[in-house]
Protein backbone atom coordinates (compact mmCIF):
# COMPACT_ATOMS: atom_id res chain seq x y z
CA MET A 1 -22.53 31.54 31.43
CA SER A 2 -24.65 32.26 28.38
CA ASN A 3 -26.16 30.18 25.63
CA LEU A 4 -26.57 30.46 21.89
CA ARG A 5 -28.63 28.66 19.30
CA GLY A 6 -27.39 25.34 17.97
CA ALA A 7 -27.32 26.74 14.44
CA SER A 8 -24.05 28.53 15.28
CA ILE A 9 -22.32 25.35 16.43
CA ILE A 10 -23.78 23.38 13.53
CA ALA A 11 -22.35 25.90 11.04
CA ALA A 12 -18.92 25.84 12.71
CA VAL A 13 -18.84 22.03 12.55
CA LYS A 14 -20.02 22.10 8.93
CA PHE A 15 -17.32 24.63 7.99
CA ILE A 16 -14.53 22.52 9.49
CA ARG A 17 -15.90 19.35 7.90
CA GLU A 18 -16.13 20.99 4.45
CA LYS A 19 -12.72 22.67 4.63
CA TYR A 20 -10.72 19.96 6.45
CA GLN A 21 -12.83 16.84 5.85
CA ASP A 22 -13.95 14.35 8.49
CA GLU A 23 -10.36 13.84 9.66
CA GLY A 24 -9.97 17.55 10.39
CA LEU A 25 -13.26 17.65 12.25
CA ALA A 26 -12.18 14.63 14.30
CA ARG A 27 -8.96 16.44 15.24
CA VAL A 28 -10.89 19.46 16.50
CA LEU A 29 -13.45 17.38 18.38
CA ASP A 30 -10.75 15.18 19.94
CA SER A 31 -9.01 18.26 21.31
CA LEU A 32 -12.11 19.37 23.25
CA GLU A 33 -13.03 18.43 26.79
CA ALA A 34 -15.50 15.54 26.93
CA GLN A 35 -18.56 17.68 27.69
CA ASP A 36 -17.91 20.09 24.82
CA ARG A 37 -16.99 17.24 22.46
CA GLN A 38 -20.26 15.48 23.25
CA ILE A 39 -22.29 18.58 22.40
CA ALA A 40 -20.34 19.73 19.32
CA GLY A 41 -20.08 16.21 17.94
CA GLY A 42 -23.64 15.26 18.75
CA SER A 43 -27.01 15.74 17.16
CA LEU A 44 -27.74 19.43 17.58
CA ASN A 45 -31.07 21.16 17.17
CA PRO A 46 -30.48 24.48 15.37
CA MET A 47 -33.16 26.23 17.43
CA SER A 48 -32.18 24.87 20.86
CA PHE A 49 -29.81 26.74 23.15
CA TYR A 50 -26.38 25.33 24.05
CA PRO A 51 -23.58 26.79 26.19
CA ALA A 52 -21.75 29.55 24.30
CA ARG A 53 -18.47 28.14 25.62
CA VAL A 54 -18.92 25.09 23.33
CA PHE A 55 -18.92 27.34 20.25
CA ILE A 56 -16.00 29.37 21.57
CA ASN A 57 -13.94 26.31 22.58
CA PHE A 58 -14.63 24.65 19.23
CA SER A 59 -13.53 27.78 17.36
CA VAL A 60 -10.39 28.22 19.47
CA ALA A 61 -9.48 24.55 18.94
CA ALA A 62 -9.94 24.93 15.17
CA ASP A 63 -7.67 27.98 15.22
CA LYS A 64 -5.00 26.14 17.22
CA ILE A 65 -5.06 23.17 14.86
CA PHE A 66 -5.50 24.85 11.47
CA GLY A 67 -4.77 28.54 12.04
CA ALA A 68 -1.86 30.81 12.75
CA GLY A 69 -3.00 31.99 16.18
CA ASP A 70 -4.65 35.12 14.75
CA TYR A 71 -8.21 33.74 14.82
CA GLU A 72 -8.53 34.07 11.06
CA ILE A 73 -10.19 30.64 11.09
CA CYS A 74 -12.79 32.13 13.45
CA ARG A 75 -13.49 34.97 11.00
CA GLN A 76 -13.93 32.37 8.27
CA ILE A 77 -16.31 30.39 10.49
CA GLY A 78 -18.42 33.52 11.09
CA TYR A 79 -18.45 34.36 7.39
CA PHE A 80 -19.47 30.79 6.54
CA GLU A 81 -22.10 30.75 9.30
CA ALA A 82 -23.87 33.81 7.87
CA GLY A 83 -23.85 32.32 4.37
CA ASP A 84 -25.11 29.02 5.72
CA THR A 85 -27.80 30.67 7.84
CA PHE A 86 -29.16 32.90 5.12
CA THR A 87 -30.23 30.32 2.55
CA GLY A 88 -33.67 29.63 1.12
CA LEU A 89 -36.33 31.99 2.42
CA TYR A 90 -33.85 33.85 4.61
CA LYS A 91 -31.71 34.56 1.52
CA ILE A 92 -34.74 36.03 -0.24
CA PHE A 93 -35.23 38.35 2.76
CA LEU A 94 -31.68 39.66 2.42
CA ASP A 95 -31.92 39.92 -1.37
CA MET A 96 -34.87 42.29 -0.93
CA ALA A 97 -33.27 44.22 1.94
CA ASN A 98 -30.60 46.88 2.03
CA PRO A 99 -27.76 47.23 4.56
CA HIS A 100 -29.57 49.88 6.60
CA PHE A 101 -32.70 47.77 6.95
CA VAL A 102 -30.70 44.75 8.07
CA ILE A 103 -28.53 46.77 10.45
CA SER A 104 -31.59 48.36 12.04
CA ARG A 105 -32.72 44.88 13.06
CA ALA A 106 -29.35 43.60 14.24
CA GLY A 107 -30.24 44.01 17.92
CA LEU A 108 -33.33 41.86 17.47
CA ALA A 109 -31.32 39.25 15.56
CA TRP A 110 -28.79 39.14 18.44
CA LYS A 111 -31.60 38.35 20.90
CA MET A 112 -32.87 35.55 18.66
CA VAL A 113 -29.48 33.81 18.74
CA HIS A 114 -28.10 34.67 22.20
CA ASP A 115 -29.78 34.50 25.60
CA ALA A 116 -27.50 37.16 27.11
CA GLY A 117 -26.01 40.44 26.10
CA GLU A 118 -27.25 43.21 23.90
CA LEU A 119 -26.23 44.58 20.52
CA LYS A 120 -26.92 48.27 19.94
CA ILE A 121 -26.42 50.02 16.62
CA GLU A 122 -25.67 53.72 16.24
CA GLN A 123 -26.14 55.19 12.78
CA ALA A 124 -23.09 57.36 12.20
CA GLY A 125 -23.32 58.02 8.47
CA ASP A 126 -24.85 56.82 5.22
CA LYS A 127 -22.51 53.84 4.96
CA TYR A 128 -21.02 53.80 8.42
CA VAL A 129 -22.36 52.50 11.74
CA LYS A 130 -21.07 51.63 15.17
CA GLY A 131 -22.20 48.47 16.91
CA THR A 132 -21.75 47.88 20.62
CA ILE A 133 -22.11 44.58 22.45
CA THR A 134 -22.60 44.74 26.20
CA GLY A 135 -23.54 42.23 28.86
CA PHE A 136 -22.29 39.12 27.05
CA PRO A 137 -20.47 37.15 29.75
CA ASP A 138 -18.61 34.66 27.55
CA TYR A 139 -16.43 37.09 25.64
CA HIS A 140 -13.32 35.77 23.92
CA LYS A 141 -11.27 37.21 21.05
CA SER A 142 -12.28 34.28 18.84
CA PHE A 143 -15.92 35.30 19.27
CA CYS A 144 -15.17 38.96 18.44
CA VAL A 145 -13.42 37.95 15.22
CA ASP A 146 -16.19 35.47 14.35
CA LEU A 147 -18.78 38.27 14.65
CA ALA A 148 -16.81 40.47 12.27
CA GLY A 149 -16.82 37.67 9.69
CA TYR A 150 -20.52 37.04 10.24
CA PHE A 151 -21.54 40.68 9.86
CA THR A 152 -19.32 41.09 6.79
CA LYS A 153 -21.15 38.28 4.99
CA VAL A 154 -24.61 39.48 6.06
CA LEU A 155 -23.91 42.95 4.68
CA GLU A 156 -22.53 41.50 1.44
CA LEU A 157 -25.66 39.37 1.06
CA CYS A 158 -27.81 42.51 1.11
CA GLY A 159 -25.71 44.39 -1.42
CA ALA A 160 -22.89 46.08 0.51
CA LYS A 161 -19.50 46.13 -1.18
CA ASN A 162 -16.02 46.42 0.33
CA VAL A 163 -17.24 45.89 3.87
CA SER A 164 -14.74 46.91 6.54
CA ILE A 165 -15.25 46.01 10.18
CA LYS A 166 -12.84 47.19 12.84
CA GLU A 167 -13.17 46.38 16.52
CA THR A 168 -12.36 49.65 18.31
CA LYS A 169 -13.07 48.45 21.86
CA CYS A 170 -12.87 44.93 23.24
CA ARG A 171 -13.68 43.41 26.59
CA CYS A 172 -10.72 41.10 26.04
CA GLN A 173 -8.54 44.24 26.24
CA GLY A 174 -10.21 45.48 29.42
CA ASP A 175 -12.83 47.73 27.82
CA ASP A 176 -16.39 47.83 29.15
CA CYS A 177 -17.85 46.59 25.83
CA CYS A 178 -16.98 45.33 22.39
CA GLU A 179 -17.44 48.08 19.82
CA TYR A 180 -17.24 47.75 16.06
CA GLU A 181 -16.95 50.41 13.35
CA VAL A 182 -18.58 49.17 10.17
CA LYS A 183 -18.09 50.81 6.76
CA TRP A 184 -19.14 49.75 3.29
CA GLU A 185 -19.71 51.01 -0.25
């Protein structure tokens, strides 16, 4: 089992509350097991670590309640999370950065948020990279889709246009890692 920073869960809760109001959030929380409900519905510290399964279970529940079973809600949560995370001083950092600078530090950013796994980036072209995630024990398709939404928004915040992220390998499909091809203009 791995952990991630509370900021991720906080953003997911905030997204559901903003999009589906308090009643929608209550529906998602009520569908969780007691332990996950207590964490997701409690007072979270954005810098503290919490079980990754809480974030994943919350996202899956949101998709079951409000989605179409394609995890599109999870992509929206990831997209929202990046926008919510990069506000204030963090937003200024991205405004001054370019996609290559941000991508070159993606592995470090992964380690700041997750206590397990590794994100490696391979530069494959001027506006094309491959990212590989290995060693993350709590993989789930909802998490893969969330990451694509998150990285899309981060790249947009630093000036990339028409961002396309395709998962070419997935542990959920039996592969040894999750691999993403990322293109932009």
